[in-house]
Amino acid sequence: MRGWFRRGSAENFESIVEQYYEKVFRLAYRMLQSYEEAADVTQDVFLHAYRGWSGFRGESQVYTWLYRITINMCKNRLKQLQRIRRHETQIILTGEQSEGDEGEETHLVEPEDFSNSPETAVGRKELREAIERALNELPLDYRMLITLRDIEGLSYEDIAKILGCTIAAVKAKLFRARTHLREKLRPYLEE
């Protein structure tokens, strides 16, 4: 099977895009918290991956390789956005621009669940929104770990490969991330 990857043909890569596009997009969305930014980064991830496809040796799994590219590109994009925002803030503070920033609209990626009673559906929707808000308030590293493990369902081993650290480090950081998330959700968990 690994020999199939070594050939690096465009047809093989097209099937990779079909298989992993949504997963890469969801990871980018979780990290960037913007539908448009996630869509742009997802395109860039697959463009970057396509350029490197002929050199992919198959030493890791394809999704591990793609997730690593996604995480790196998201981190770079976040740094770029921070520089842009700092520059815009400097312009606003110096009075060269009088218009304020428009708020960025966020979208929930998960479809609505209308099963059971209306009250249950409303309660689930409120909880899902609270979890989404709490997750988005976490530091990027914590948000990334929870996304990879609890949302995408990756193994500790795969996450360690993606992040370039030990399994023990992944477990320790994930424990801290979940603790922070639990603290943010405490009011909802006590009901």
Protein backbone atom coordinates (compact mmCIF):
# COMPACT_ATOMS: atom_id res chain seq x y z
CA MET A 1 0.00 0.00 0.00
CA ARG A 2 2.84 2.41 0.77
CA GLY A 3 4.18 1.97 -2.77
CA TRP A 4 0.91 3.43 -4.04
CA PHE A 5 1.73 6.65 -2.18
CA ARG A 6 5.29 6.79 -3.49
CA ARG A 7 4.12 7.04 -7.08
CA GLY A 8 2.57 10.41 -6.26
CA SER A 9 0.28 10.61 -9.28
CA ALA A 10 -2.28 13.38 -9.67
CA GLU A 11 -5.12 10.80 -9.72
CA ASN A 12 -4.02 9.41 -6.36
CA PHE A 13 -3.80 12.89 -4.93
CA GLU A 14 -7.31 13.74 -6.14
CA SER A 15 -8.69 10.85 -4.10
CA ILE A 16 -6.76 12.15 -1.08
CA VAL A 17 -8.39 15.56 -1.47
CA GLU A 18 -11.83 13.96 -1.69
CA GLN A 19 -11.17 11.84 1.40
CA TYR A 20 -9.65 14.51 3.67
CA TYR A 21 -10.98 17.88 2.51
CA GLU A 22 -13.74 18.14 5.13
CA LYS A 23 -11.48 16.97 7.96
CA VAL A 24 -8.78 19.48 7.05
CA PHE A 25 -11.41 22.23 6.78
CA ARG A 26 -12.90 21.39 10.21
CA LEU A 27 -9.46 21.47 11.83
CA ALA A 28 -8.64 24.80 10.17
CA TYR A 29 -12.02 26.21 11.21
CA ARG A 30 -11.50 25.18 14.83
CA MET A 31 -8.10 26.83 14.90
CA LEU A 32 -8.94 29.99 12.97
CA GLN A 33 -12.57 30.46 14.10
CA SER A 34 -13.47 31.94 10.73
CA TYR A 35 -15.24 30.18 7.88
CA GLU A 36 -13.54 32.27 5.20
CA GLU A 37 -10.05 31.95 6.69
CA ALA A 38 -10.51 28.19 7.12
CA ALA A 39 -11.61 27.85 3.50
CA ASP A 40 -8.58 29.80 2.30
CA VAL A 41 -6.16 27.83 4.45
CA THR A 42 -7.72 24.54 3.38
CA GLN A 43 -7.11 25.43 -0.25
CA ASP A 44 -3.52 26.39 0.59
CA VAL A 45 -2.98 23.13 2.50
CA PHE A 46 -3.96 21.03 -0.48
CA LEU A 47 -1.96 23.19 -2.87
CA HIS A 48 1.09 22.81 -0.63
CA ALA A 49 0.45 19.08 -0.27
CA TYR A 50 0.05 18.65 -4.02
CA ARG A 51 3.39 20.33 -4.63
CA GLY A 52 5.00 17.92 -2.16
CA TRP A 53 2.95 14.86 -3.15
CA SER A 54 5.58 13.32 -5.44
CA GLY A 55 8.06 13.48 -2.56
CA PHE A 56 5.70 11.95 0.02
CA ARG A 57 7.48 8.76 1.10
CA GLY A 58 4.65 7.19 3.04
CA GLU A 59 6.62 7.06 6.29
CA SER A 60 3.59 8.52 8.05
CA GLN A 61 -0.08 8.24 7.30
CA VAL A 62 -1.51 10.71 4.81
CA TYR A 63 -3.87 12.36 7.30
CA THR A 64 -1.01 12.82 9.78
CA TRP A 65 0.97 14.59 7.07
CA LEU A 66 -2.02 16.74 6.03
CA TYR A 67 -2.90 17.65 9.63
CA ARG A 68 0.70 18.69 10.27
CA ILE A 69 0.59 20.96 7.20
CA THR A 70 -2.80 22.33 8.32
CA ILE A 71 -1.61 23.13 11.84
CA ASN A 72 1.51 24.86 10.56
CA MET A 73 -0.42 26.90 8.00
CA CYS A 74 -3.05 27.89 10.58
CA LYS A 75 -0.37 29.02 13.02
CA ASN A 76 1.27 31.06 10.27
CA ARG A 77 -2.07 32.57 9.27
CA LEU A 78 -2.88 33.48 12.89
CA LYS A 79 0.48 35.23 13.20
CA GLN A 80 -0.20 37.09 9.97
CA LEU A 81 -3.68 38.12 11.16
CA GLN A 82 -2.22 39.36 14.46
CA ARG A 83 0.29 41.52 12.58
CA ILE A 84 -2.50 42.92 10.39
CA ARG A 85 -4.70 43.66 13.41
CA ARG A 86 -1.81 45.35 15.23
CA HIS A 87 -1.15 47.47 12.18
CA GLU A 88 -4.85 48.36 11.85
CA THR A 89 -4.96 49.22 15.55
CA GLN A 90 -1.95 51.51 15.15
CA ILE A 91 -3.65 53.24 12.24
CA ILE A 92 -6.86 53.69 14.22
CA LEU A 93 -4.98 54.94 17.31
CA THR A 94 -3.01 57.47 15.29
CA GLY A 95 -6.23 58.79 13.76
CA GLU A 96 -5.45 57.92 10.16
CA GLN A 97 -8.58 55.80 9.94
CA SER A 98 -11.87 56.53 11.65
CA GLU A 99 -13.87 53.40 10.81
CA GLY A 100 -14.08 50.64 13.38
CA ASP A 101 -13.53 46.95 12.89
CA GLU A 102 -16.50 44.95 11.79
CA GLY A 103 -17.23 41.93 13.96
CA GLU A 104 -16.48 38.60 12.39
CA GLU A 105 -19.36 36.21 12.03
CA THR A 106 -18.80 32.67 13.26
CA HIS A 107 -20.57 29.60 11.96
CA LEU A 108 -21.24 26.30 13.65
CA VAL A 109 -20.05 23.51 11.40
CA GLU A 110 -22.27 20.83 12.93
CA PRO A 111 -25.81 20.47 11.56
CA GLU A 112 -28.75 21.12 13.83
CA ASP A 113 -30.34 18.15 15.61
CA PHE A 114 -34.12 18.37 15.68
CA SER A 115 -34.81 14.99 17.24
CA ASN A 116 -36.96 14.51 20.35
CA SER A 117 -38.98 17.35 21.87
CA PRO A 118 -38.53 21.04 21.05
CA GLU A 119 -37.32 21.69 24.60
CA THR A 120 -34.65 19.01 24.27
CA ALA A 121 -33.56 20.37 20.91
CA VAL A 122 -33.31 23.90 22.31
CA GLY A 123 -31.35 22.65 25.32
CA ARG A 124 -28.96 20.73 23.09
CA LYS A 125 -28.50 23.72 20.83
CA GLU A 126 -27.72 26.00 23.80
CA LEU A 127 -25.25 23.47 25.20
CA ARG A 128 -23.60 23.01 21.78
CA GLU A 129 -23.26 26.80 21.44
CA ALA A 130 -21.83 27.06 24.97
CA ILE A 131 -19.30 24.34 24.18
CA GLU A 132 -18.41 26.07 20.91
CA ARG A 133 -17.88 29.41 22.71
CA ALA A 134 -15.84 27.80 25.49
CA LEU A 135 -13.71 25.90 22.99
CA ASN A 136 -13.09 29.07 20.99
CA GLU A 137 -11.97 30.89 24.16
CA LEU A 138 -9.26 28.32 24.88
CA PRO A 139 -5.66 29.03 23.90
CA LEU A 140 -4.84 27.77 20.41
CA ASP A 141 -2.75 24.79 21.58
CA TYR A 142 -5.53 23.55 23.85
CA ARG A 143 -8.18 24.07 21.18
CA MET A 144 -6.02 22.19 18.69
CA LEU A 145 -5.51 19.22 21.03
CA ILE A 146 -9.20 18.90 21.89
CA THR A 147 -10.07 19.15 18.21
CA LEU A 148 -7.59 16.47 17.17
CA ARG A 149 -8.44 14.02 19.97
CA ASP A 150 -12.06 14.59 20.95
CA ILE A 151 -13.57 15.91 17.74
CA GLU A 152 -11.49 14.26 15.02
CA GLY A 153 -10.87 11.13 17.11
CA LEU A 154 -7.15 10.79 16.41
CA SER A 155 -5.05 8.50 18.57
CA TYR A 156 -2.48 9.83 21.02
CA GLU A 157 0.22 8.34 18.80
CA ASP A 158 -1.03 10.18 15.71
CA ILE A 159 -1.32 13.48 17.60
CA ALA A 160 2.23 13.05 18.91
CA LYS A 161 3.46 12.52 15.32
CA ILE A 162 1.53 15.55 14.06
CA LEU A 163 2.82 17.81 16.82
CA GLY A 164 6.30 16.33 16.98
CA CYS A 165 6.21 15.51 20.69
CA THR A 166 5.86 12.49 22.96
CA ILE A 167 2.64 10.68 23.77
CA ALA A 168 3.12 11.60 27.43
CA ALA A 169 3.30 15.28 26.48
CA VAL A 170 0.12 14.97 24.43
CA LYS A 171 -1.71 13.34 27.33
CA ALA A 172 -0.51 15.94 29.83
CA LYS A 173 -1.42 18.89 27.60
CA LEU A 174 -4.76 17.33 26.72
CA PHE A 175 -5.54 16.89 30.41
CA ARG A 176 -4.86 20.60 31.00
CA ALA A 177 -6.91 21.55 27.94
CA ARG A 178 -9.88 19.50 29.09
CA THR A 179 -9.58 20.93 32.60
CA HIS A 180 -9.72 24.48 31.20
CA LEU A 181 -12.69 23.59 29.02
CA ARG A 182 -14.49 21.98 31.98
CA GLU A 183 -13.92 25.15 34.04
CA LYS A 184 -15.43 27.30 31.31
CA LEU A 185 -18.42 24.95 31.10
CA ARG A 186 -18.92 24.62 34.88
CA PRO A 187 -22.15 26.67 34.95
CA TYR A 188 -23.69 24.38 32.35
CA LEU A 189 -22.43 21.19 33.97
CA GLU A 190 -23.88 22.08 37.39
CA GLU A 191 -27.44 22.46 36.08
